[in-house]
Amino acid sequence: MSAHKDIQEKVYQELMEVVGKDGRARYDERDKIPYTFAVLMEAQRYASNAPFSGNRMYVSKLWFYIFALHIDLDNGFDSVAKMGSKNL
């Protein structure tokens, strides 16, 4: 949000109007702060805070090409996918 001061200001204003300076926003009150909630959801969609998925194991032989490199994966090969790449 630091790159988008207008969005930061709108979130701040909404929180000040609804929650107040000393209040705390609760998840079950998200319908009262729709702009802030939408910004949070977009931030999580754009840059996930969970960098990796769980382990995956290939159950059959798999091959694919990456930049003209032929890669063969045998049965039982264990891999971990970087979740940030899911948004590309």
PDB file of N, CA and C in Angstrom:
ATOM      1  N   MET A   1       0.820  -1.194   0.000  1.00  0.00           N
ATOM      2  CA  MET A   1       0.000   0.000   0.000  1.00  0.00           C
ATOM      3  C   MET A   1       0.860   1.252   0.000  1.00  0.00           C
ATOM      4  N   SER A   2       2.119   1.116   0.369  1.00  0.00           N
ATOM      5  CA  SER A   2       2.956   2.314   0.412  1.00  0.00           C
ATOM      6  C   SER A   2       3.148   2.927  -0.966  1.00  0.00           C
ATOM      7  N   ALA A   3       2.981   2.149  -2.012  1.00  0.00           N
ATOM      8  CA  ALA A   3       3.105   2.666  -3.378  1.00  0.00           C
ATOM      9  C   ALA A   3       1.827   3.355  -3.847  1.00  0.00           C
ATOM     10  N   HIS A   4       0.726   3.153  -3.134  1.00  0.00           N
ATOM     11  CA  HIS A   4      -0.574   3.712  -3.525  1.00  0.00           C
ATOM     12  C   HIS A   4      -1.148   4.503  -2.349  1.00  0.00           C
ATOM     13  N   LYS A   5      -0.685   5.731  -2.224  1.00  0.00           N
ATOM     14  CA  LYS A   5      -1.089   6.573  -1.089  1.00  0.00           C
ATOM     15  C   LYS A   5      -2.590   6.841  -1.059  1.00  0.00           C
ATOM     16  N   ASP A   6      -3.230   6.906  -2.232  1.00  0.00           N
ATOM     17  CA  ASP A   6      -4.674   7.149  -2.261  1.00  0.00           C
ATOM     18  C   ASP A   6      -5.437   5.988  -1.633  1.00  0.00           C
ATOM     19  N   ILE A   7      -5.010   4.767  -1.906  1.00  0.00           N
ATOM     20  CA  ILE A   7      -5.651   3.586  -1.315  1.00  0.00           C
ATOM     21  C   ILE A   7      -5.381   3.555   0.183  1.00  0.00           C
ATOM     22  N   GLN A   8      -4.154   3.841   0.565  1.00  0.00           N
ATOM     23  CA  GLN A   8      -3.800   3.872   1.977  1.00  0.00           C
ATOM     24  C   GLN A   8      -4.669   4.882   2.729  1.00  0.00           C
ATOM     25  N   GLU A   9      -4.887   6.040   2.149  1.00  0.00           N
ATOM     26  CA  GLU A   9      -5.703   7.081   2.783  1.00  0.00           C
ATOM     27  C   GLU A   9      -7.164   6.648   2.908  1.00  0.00           C
ATOM     28  N   LYS A  10      -7.705   5.998   1.868  1.00  0.00           N
ATOM     29  CA  LYS A  10      -9.100   5.529   1.921  1.00  0.00           C
ATOM     30  C   LYS A  10      -9.286   4.475   3.010  1.00  0.00           C
ATOM     31  N   VAL A  11      -8.326   3.559   3.118  1.00  0.00           N
ATOM     32  CA  VAL A  11      -8.399   2.534   4.167  1.00  0.00           C
ATOM     33  C   VAL A  11      -8.330   3.198   5.538  1.00  0.00           C
ATOM     34  N   TYR A  12      -7.418   4.133   5.698  1.00  0.00           N
ATOM     35  CA  TYR A  12      -7.279   4.838   6.973  1.00  0.00           C
ATOM     36  C   TYR A  12      -8.569   5.563   7.346  1.00  0.00           C
ATOM     37  N   GLN A  13      -9.143   6.291   6.395  1.00  0.00           N
ATOM     38  CA  GLN A  13     -10.374   7.031   6.662  1.00  0.00           C
ATOM     39  C   GLN A  13     -11.517   6.092   7.038  1.00  0.00           C
ATOM     40  N   GLU A  14     -11.641   4.986   6.315  1.00  0.00           N
ATOM     41  CA  GLU A  14     -12.709   4.029   6.620  1.00  0.00           C
ATOM     42  C   GLU A  14     -12.533   3.449   8.020  1.00  0.00           C
ATOM     43  N   LEU A  15     -11.309   3.087   8.368  1.00  0.00           N
ATOM     44  CA  LEU A  15     -11.065   2.534   9.700  1.00  0.00           C
ATOM     45  C   LEU A  15     -11.314   3.565  10.792  1.00  0.00           C
ATOM     46  N   MET A  16     -10.940   4.812  10.562  1.00  0.00           N
ATOM     47  CA  MET A  16     -11.178   5.854  11.558  1.00  0.00           C
ATOM     48  C   MET A  16     -12.673   6.104  11.750  1.00  0.00           C
ATOM     49  N   GLU A  17     -13.447   6.079  10.660  1.00  0.00           N
ATOM     50  CA  GLU A  17     -14.893   6.308  10.752  1.00  0.00           C
ATOM     51  C   GLU A  17     -15.607   5.162  11.458  1.00  0.00           C
ATOM     52  N   VAL A  18     -15.227   3.943  11.156  1.00  0.00           N
ATOM     53  CA  VAL A  18     -15.956   2.775  11.665  1.00  0.00           C
ATOM     54  C   VAL A  18     -15.393   2.279  12.989  1.00  0.00           C
ATOM     55  N   VAL A  19     -14.092   2.150  13.072  1.00  0.00           N
ATOM     56  CA  VAL A  19     -13.468   1.532  14.242  1.00  0.00           C
ATOM     57  C   VAL A  19     -13.027   2.575  15.262  1.00  0.00           C
ATOM     58  N   GLY A  20     -12.543   3.707  14.785  1.00  0.00           N
ATOM     59  CA  GLY A  20     -12.041   4.740  15.689  1.00  0.00           C
ATOM     60  C   GLY A  20     -10.558   4.554  15.966  1.00  0.00           C
ATOM     61  N   LYS A  21      -9.977   5.558  16.592  1.00  0.00           N
ATOM     62  CA  LYS A  21      -8.533   5.556  16.811  1.00  0.00           C
ATOM     63  C   LYS A  21      -8.079   4.479  17.788  1.00  0.00           C
ATOM     64  N   ASP A  22      -8.865   4.187  18.794  1.00  0.00           N
ATOM     65  CA  ASP A  22      -8.466   3.210  19.809  1.00  0.00           C
ATOM     66  C   ASP A  22      -9.166   1.865  19.657  1.00  0.00           C
ATOM     67  N   GLY A  23      -9.996   1.723  18.638  1.00  0.00           N
ATOM     68  CA  GLY A  23     -10.738   0.482  18.458  1.00  0.00           C
ATOM     69  C   GLY A  23      -9.941  -0.588  17.734  1.00  0.00           C
ATOM     70  N   ARG A  24     -10.537  -1.761  17.648  1.00  0.00           N
ATOM     71  CA  ARG A  24      -9.924  -2.874  16.932  1.00  0.00           C
ATOM     72  C   ARG A  24     -10.950  -3.431  15.964  1.00  0.00           C
ATOM     73  N   ALA A  25     -10.529  -3.630  14.730  1.00  0.00           N
ATOM     74  CA  ALA A  25     -11.411  -4.230  13.726  1.00  0.00           C
ATOM     75  C   ALA A  25     -11.439  -5.739  13.948  1.00  0.00           C
ATOM     76  N   ARG A  26     -12.630  -6.308  13.951  1.00  0.00           N
ATOM     77  CA  ARG A  26     -12.780  -7.757  14.102  1.00  0.00           C
ATOM     78  C   ARG A  26     -13.269  -8.339  12.788  1.00  0.00           C
ATOM     79  N   TYR A  27     -12.881  -9.583  12.536  1.00  0.00           N
ATOM     80  CA  TYR A  27     -13.228 -10.237  11.275  1.00  0.00           C
ATOM     81  C   TYR A  27     -14.741 -10.318  11.075  1.00  0.00           C
ATOM     82  N   ASP A  28     -15.483 -10.577  12.134  1.00  0.00           N
ATOM     83  CA  ASP A  28     -16.937 -10.709  11.994  1.00  0.00           C
ATOM     84  C   ASP A  28     -17.625  -9.368  11.722  1.00  0.00           C
ATOM     85  N   GLU A  29     -16.894  -8.267  11.787  1.00  0.00           N
ATOM     86  CA  GLU A  29     -17.434  -6.944  11.467  1.00  0.00           C
ATOM     87  C   GLU A  29     -16.945  -6.433  10.113  1.00  0.00           C
ATOM     88  N   ARG A  30     -16.445  -7.323   9.286  1.00  0.00           N
ATOM     89  CA  ARG A  30     -15.861  -6.917   7.999  1.00  0.00           C
ATOM     90  C   ARG A  30     -16.864  -6.262   7.061  1.00  0.00           C
ATOM     91  N   ASP A  31     -18.155  -6.541   7.239  1.00  0.00           N
ATOM     92  CA  ASP A  31     -19.153  -5.900   6.375  1.00  0.00           C
ATOM     93  C   ASP A  31     -19.251  -4.392   6.642  1.00  0.00           C
ATOM     94  N   LYS A  32     -18.707  -3.931   7.762  1.00  0.00           N
ATOM     95  CA  LYS A  32     -18.707  -2.504   8.081  1.00  0.00           C
ATOM     96  C   LYS A  32     -17.524  -1.772   7.443  1.00  0.00           C
ATOM     97  N   ILE A  33     -16.521  -2.531   7.002  1.00  0.00           N
ATOM     98  CA  ILE A  33     -15.332  -1.937   6.376  1.00  0.00           C
ATOM     99  C   ILE A  33     -15.060  -2.631   5.030  1.00  0.00           C
ATOM    100  N   PRO A  34     -15.971  -2.501   4.073  1.00  0.00           N
ATOM    101  CA  PRO A  34     -15.840  -3.248   2.817  1.00  0.00           C
ATOM    102  C   PRO A  34     -14.612  -2.860   1.989  1.00  0.00           C
ATOM    103  N   TYR A  35     -14.252  -1.588   1.981  1.00  0.00           N
ATOM    104  CA  TYR A  35     -13.094  -1.170   1.184  1.00  0.00           C
ATOM    105  C   TYR A  35     -11.812  -1.757   1.769  1.00  0.00           C
ATOM    106  N   THR A  36     -11.666  -1.668   3.082  1.00  0.00           N
ATOM    107  CA  THR A  36     -10.488  -2.219   3.751  1.00  0.00           C
ATOM    108  C   THR A  36     -10.400  -3.719   3.535  1.00  0.00           C
ATOM    109  N   PHE A  37     -11.514  -4.415   3.669  1.00  0.00           N
ATOM    110  CA  PHE A  37     -11.533  -5.867   3.480  1.00  0.00           C
ATOM    111  C   PHE A  37     -11.154  -6.222   2.042  1.00  0.00           C
ATOM    112  N   ALA A  38     -11.658  -5.466   1.070  1.00  0.00           N
ATOM    113  CA  ALA A  38     -11.325  -5.722  -0.338  1.00  0.00           C
ATOM    114  C   ALA A  38      -9.835  -5.502  -0.594  1.00  0.00           C
ATOM    115  N   VAL A  39      -9.261  -4.478   0.018  1.00  0.00           N
ATOM    116  CA  VAL A  39      -7.825  -4.223  -0.136  1.00  0.00           C
ATOM    117  C   VAL A  39      -7.014  -5.374   0.455  1.00  0.00           C
ATOM    118  N   LEU A  40      -7.415  -5.859   1.612  1.00  0.00           N
ATOM    119  CA  LEU A  40      -6.716  -6.989   2.229  1.00  0.00           C
ATOM    120  C   LEU A  40      -6.807  -8.247   1.371  1.00  0.00           C
ATOM    121  N   MET A  41      -7.988  -8.523   0.825  1.00  0.00           N
ATOM    122  CA  MET A  41      -8.154  -9.707  -0.023  1.00  0.00           C
ATOM    123  C   MET A  41      -7.322  -9.592  -1.299  1.00  0.00           C
ATOM    124  N   GLU A  42      -7.268  -8.410  -1.881  1.00  0.00           N
ATOM    125  CA  GLU A  42      -6.466  -8.204  -3.092  1.00  0.00           C
ATOM    126  C   GLU A  42      -4.978  -8.346  -2.790  1.00  0.00           C
ATOM    127  N   ALA A  43      -4.554  -7.843  -1.637  1.00  0.00           N
ATOM    128  CA  ALA A  43      -3.145  -7.972  -1.261  1.00  0.00           C
ATOM    129  C   ALA A  43      -2.768  -9.438  -1.088  1.00  0.00           C
ATOM    130  N   GLN A  44      -3.645 -10.241  -0.499  1.00  0.00           N
ATOM    131  CA  GLN A  44      -3.367 -11.668  -0.339  1.00  0.00           C
ATOM    132  C   GLN A  44      -3.401 -12.391  -1.674  1.00  0.00           C
ATOM    133  N   ARG A  45      -4.273 -11.976  -2.568  1.00  0.00           N
ATOM    134  CA  ARG A  45      -4.322 -12.608  -3.880  1.00  0.00           C
ATOM    135  C   ARG A  45      -3.062 -12.293  -4.673  1.00  0.00           C
ATOM    136  N   TYR A  46      -2.641 -11.051  -4.592  1.00  0.00           N
ATOM    137  CA  TYR A  46      -1.505 -10.591  -5.384  1.00  0.00           C
ATOM    138  C   TYR A  46      -0.180 -11.145  -4.859  1.00  0.00           C
ATOM    139  N   ALA A  47      -0.007 -11.165  -3.557  1.00  0.00           N
ATOM    140  CA  ALA A  47       1.243 -11.631  -2.956  1.00  0.00           C
ATOM    141  C   ALA A  47       0.911 -12.500  -1.757  1.00  0.00           C
ATOM    142  N   SER A  48       0.796 -13.764  -2.001  1.00  0.00           N
ATOM    143  CA  SER A  48       0.425 -14.702  -0.950  1.00  0.00           C
ATOM    144  C   SER A  48       1.465 -14.717   0.158  1.00  0.00           C
ATOM    145  N   ASN A  49       1.017 -14.802   1.391  1.00  0.00           N
ATOM    146  CA  ASN A  49       1.949 -14.896   2.507  1.00  0.00           C
ATOM    147  C   ASN A  49       2.346 -16.338   2.790  1.00  0.00           C
ATOM    148  N   ALA A  50       1.820 -17.279   2.038  1.00  0.00           N
ATOM    149  CA  ALA A  50       2.213 -18.682   2.137  1.00  0.00           C
ATOM    150  C   ALA A  50       3.079 -19.001   0.921  1.00  0.00           C
ATOM    151  N   PRO A  51       4.404 -18.944   1.072  1.00  0.00           N
ATOM    152  CA  PRO A  51       5.264 -19.027  -0.101  1.00  0.00           C
ATOM    153  C   PRO A  51       5.301 -20.386  -0.790  1.00  0.00           C
ATOM    154  N   PHE A  52       5.002 -21.456  -0.091  1.00  0.00           N
ATOM    155  CA  PHE A  52       5.098 -22.776  -0.698  1.00  0.00           C
ATOM    156  C   PHE A  52       3.855 -23.596  -0.402  1.00  0.00           C
ATOM    157  N   SER A  53       3.536 -24.479  -1.316  1.00  0.00           N
ATOM    158  CA  SER A  53       2.426 -25.399  -1.085  1.00  0.00           C
ATOM    159  C   SER A  53       2.954 -26.592  -0.296  1.00  0.00           C
ATOM    160  N   GLY A  54       2.077 -27.494   0.032  1.00  0.00           N
ATOM    161  CA  GLY A  54       2.508 -28.734   0.662  1.00  0.00           C
ATOM    162  C   GLY A  54       3.255 -29.601  -0.337  1.00  0.00           C
ATOM    163  N   ASN A  55       3.866 -30.641   0.162  1.00  0.00           N
ATOM    164  CA  ASN A  55       4.606 -31.547  -0.718  1.00  0.00           C
ATOM    165  C   ASN A  55       3.671 -32.262  -1.672  1.00  0.00           C
ATOM    166  N   ARG A  56       4.161 -32.515  -2.866  1.00  0.00           N
ATOM    167  CA  ARG A  56       3.433 -33.279  -3.878  1.00  0.00           C
ATOM    168  C   ARG A  56       4.316 -34.429  -4.318  1.00  0.00           C
ATOM    169  N   MET A  57       3.738 -35.593  -4.498  1.00  0.00           N
ATOM    170  CA  MET A  57       4.504 -36.737  -4.969  1.00  0.00           C
ATOM    171  C   MET A  57       3.910 -37.216  -6.282  1.00  0.00           C
ATOM    172  N   TYR A  58       4.767 -37.381  -7.283  1.00  0.00           N
ATOM    173  CA  TYR A  58       4.315 -37.858  -8.587  1.00  0.00           C
ATOM    174  C   TYR A  58       4.080 -39.358  -8.512  1.00  0.00           C
ATOM    175  N   VAL A  59       2.928 -39.792  -8.981  1.00  0.00           N
ATOM    176  CA  VAL A  59       2.589 -41.213  -8.917  1.00  0.00           C
ATOM    177  C   VAL A  59       2.829 -41.927 -10.235  1.00  0.00           C
ATOM    178  N   SER A  60       3.182 -41.193 -11.258  1.00  0.00           N
ATOM    179  CA  SER A  60       3.539 -41.814 -12.533  1.00  0.00           C
ATOM    180  C   SER A  60       4.681 -41.014 -13.146  1.00  0.00           C
ATOM    181  N   LYS A  61       5.347 -41.633 -14.102  1.00  0.00           N
ATOM    182  CA  LYS A  61       6.485 -40.968 -14.740  1.00  0.00           C
ATOM    183  C   LYS A  61       6.011 -39.689 -15.430  1.00  0.00           C
ATOM    184  N   LEU A  62       6.767 -38.627 -15.274  1.00  0.00           N
ATOM    185  CA  LEU A  62       6.391 -37.328 -15.815  1.00  0.00           C
ATOM    186  C   LEU A  62       7.604 -36.721 -16.504  1.00  0.00           C
ATOM    187  N   TRP A  63       7.375 -36.094 -17.625  1.00  0.00           N
ATOM    188  CA  TRP A  63       8.455 -35.369 -18.297  1.00  0.00           C
ATOM    189  C   TRP A  63       7.911 -34.058 -18.818  1.00  0.00           C
ATOM    190  N   PHE A  64       8.761 -33.067 -18.870  1.00  0.00           N
ATOM    191  CA  PHE A  64       8.380 -31.776 -19.430  1.00  0.00           C
ATOM    192  C   PHE A  64       9.636 -31.024 -19.849  1.00  0.00           C
ATOM    193  N   TYR A  65       9.429 -29.961 -20.591  1.00  0.00           N
ATOM    194  CA  TYR A  65      10.537 -29.146 -21.088  1.00  0.00           C
ATOM    195  C   TYR A  65      10.508 -27.771 -20.433  1.00  0.00           C
ATOM    196  N   ILE A  66      11.671 -27.332 -19.961  1.00  0.00           N
ATOM    197  CA  ILE A  66      11.826 -25.977 -19.435  1.00  0.00           C
ATOM    198  C   ILE A  66      12.997 -25.353 -20.180  1.00  0.00           C
ATOM    199  N   PHE A  67      12.718 -24.357 -20.970  1.00  0.00           N
ATOM    200  CA  PHE A  67      13.766 -23.665 -21.725  1.00  0.00           C
ATOM    201  C   PHE A  67      14.670 -24.651 -22.456  1.00  0.00           C
ATOM    202  N   ALA A  68      14.071 -25.584 -23.156  1.00  0.00           N
ATOM    203  CA  ALA A  68      14.771 -26.584 -23.969  1.00  0.00           C
ATOM    204  C   ALA A  68      15.532 -27.611 -23.138  1.00  0.00           C
ATOM    205  N   LEU A  69      15.308 -27.655 -21.832  1.00  0.00           N
ATOM    206  CA  LEU A  69      15.895 -28.710 -21.003  1.00  0.00           C
ATOM    207  C   LEU A  69      14.851 -29.793 -20.820  1.00  0.00           C
ATOM    208  N   HIS A  70      15.198 -31.003 -21.130  1.00  0.00           N
ATOM    209  CA  HIS A  70      14.278 -32.116 -20.950  1.00  0.00           C
ATOM    210  C   HIS A  70      14.458 -32.652 -19.537  1.00  0.00           C
ATOM    211  N   ILE A  71      13.382 -32.697 -18.777  1.00  0.00           N
ATOM    212  CA  ILE A  71      13.441 -33.160 -17.392  1.00  0.00           C
ATOM    213  C   ILE A  71      12.559 -34.386 -17.251  1.00  0.00           C
ATOM    214  N   ASP A  72      13.126 -35.451 -16.731  1.00  0.00           N
ATOM    215  CA  ASP A  72      12.411 -36.696 -16.472  1.00  0.00           C
ATOM    216  C   ASP A  72      12.221 -36.852 -14.969  1.00  0.00           C
ATOM    217  N   LEU A  73      11.009 -37.058 -14.528  1.00  0.00           N
ATOM    218  CA  LEU A  73      10.741 -37.303 -13.112  1.00  0.00           C
ATOM    219  C   LEU A  73      10.194 -38.711 -12.959  1.00  0.00           C
ATOM    220  N   ASP A  74      10.821 -39.495 -12.101  1.00  0.00           N
ATOM    221  CA  ASP A  74      10.394 -40.873 -11.892  1.00  0.00           C
ATOM    222  C   ASP A  74       9.269 -40.943 -10.869  1.00  0.00           C
ATOM    223  N   ASN A  75       8.652 -42.126 -10.779  1.00  0.00           N
ATOM    224  CA  ASN A  75       7.628 -42.359  -9.760  1.00  0.00           C
ATOM    225  C   ASN A  75       8.211 -42.067  -8.384  1.00  0.00           C
ATOM    226  N   GLY A  76       7.407 -41.469  -7.525  1.00  0.00           N
ATOM    227  CA  GLY A  76       7.833 -41.202  -6.163  1.00  0.00           C
ATOM    228  C   GLY A  76       8.662 -39.942  -5.996  1.00  0.00           C
ATOM    229  N   PHE A  77       8.855 -39.174  -7.064  1.00  0.00           N
ATOM    230  CA  PHE A  77       9.599 -37.918  -6.956  1.00  0.00           C
ATOM    231  C   PHE A  77       8.787 -36.945  -6.114  1.00  0.00           C
ATOM    232  N   ASP A  78       9.423 -36.347  -5.127  1.00  0.00           N
ATOM    233  CA  ASP A  78       8.751 -35.423  -4.212  1.00  0.00           C
ATOM    234  C   ASP A  78       9.083 -33.992  -4.628  1.00  0.00           C
ATOM    235  N   SER A  79       8.077 -33.112  -4.656  1.00  0.00           N
ATOM    236  CA  SER A  79       8.330 -31.728  -5.054  1.00  0.00           C
ATOM    237  C   SER A  79       7.535 -30.772  -4.177  1.00  0.00           C
ATOM    238  N   VAL A  80       7.987 -29.530  -4.149  1.00  0.00           N
ATOM    239  CA  VAL A  80       7.285 -28.458  -3.450  1.00  0.00           C
ATOM    240  C   VAL A  80       7.139 -27.316  -4.441  1.00  0.00           C
ATOM    241  N   ALA A  81       5.910 -26.824  -4.636  1.00  0.00           N
ATOM    242  CA  ALA A  81       5.664 -25.750  -5.596  1.00  0.00           C
ATOM    243  C   ALA A  81       5.675 -24.401  -4.893  1.00  0.00           C
ATOM    244  N   LYS A  82       6.309 -23.422  -5.504  1.00  0.00           N
ATOM    245  CA  LYS A  82       6.285 -22.059  -4.974  1.00  0.00           C
ATOM    246  C   LYS A  82       4.934 -21.441  -5.328  1.00  0.00           C
ATOM    247  N   MET A  83       4.167 -21.031  -4.312  1.00  0.00           N
ATOM    248  CA  MET A  83       2.805 -20.559  -4.521  1.00  0.00           C
ATOM    249  C   MET A  83       2.748 -19.226  -5.257  1.00  0.00           C
ATOM    250  N   GLY A  84       3.762 -18.400  -5.164  1.00  0.00           N
ATOM    251  CA  GLY A  84       3.752 -17.126  -5.862  1.00  0.00           C
ATOM    252  C   GLY A  84       3.649 -17.289  -7.365  1.00  0.00           C
ATOM    253  N   SER A  85       4.142 -18.403  -7.873  1.00  0.00           N
ATOM    254  CA  SER A  85       4.108 -18.634  -9.313  1.00  0.00           C
ATOM    255  C   SER A  85       2.700 -18.943  -9.808  1.00  0.00           C
ATOM    256  N   LYS A  86       1.772 -19.233  -8.913  1.00  0.00           N
ATOM    257  CA  LYS A  86       0.400 -19.527  -9.325  1.00  0.00           C
ATOM    258  C   LYS A  86      -0.302 -18.290  -9.877  1.00  0.00           C
ATOM    259  N   ASN A  87       0.217 -17.103  -9.560  1.00  0.00           N
ATOM    260  CA  ASN A  87      -0.412 -15.862 -10.011  1.00  0.00           C
ATOM    261  C   ASN A  87       0.159 -15.337 -11.310  1.00  0.00           C
ATOM    262  N   LEU A  88       1.112 -16.041 -11.879  1.00  0.00           N
ATOM    263  CA  LEU A  88       1.730 -15.559 -13.118  1.00  0.00           C
ATOM    264  C   LEU A  88       0.851 -15.804 -14.298  1.00  0.00           C
TER     265      LEU A  88
END
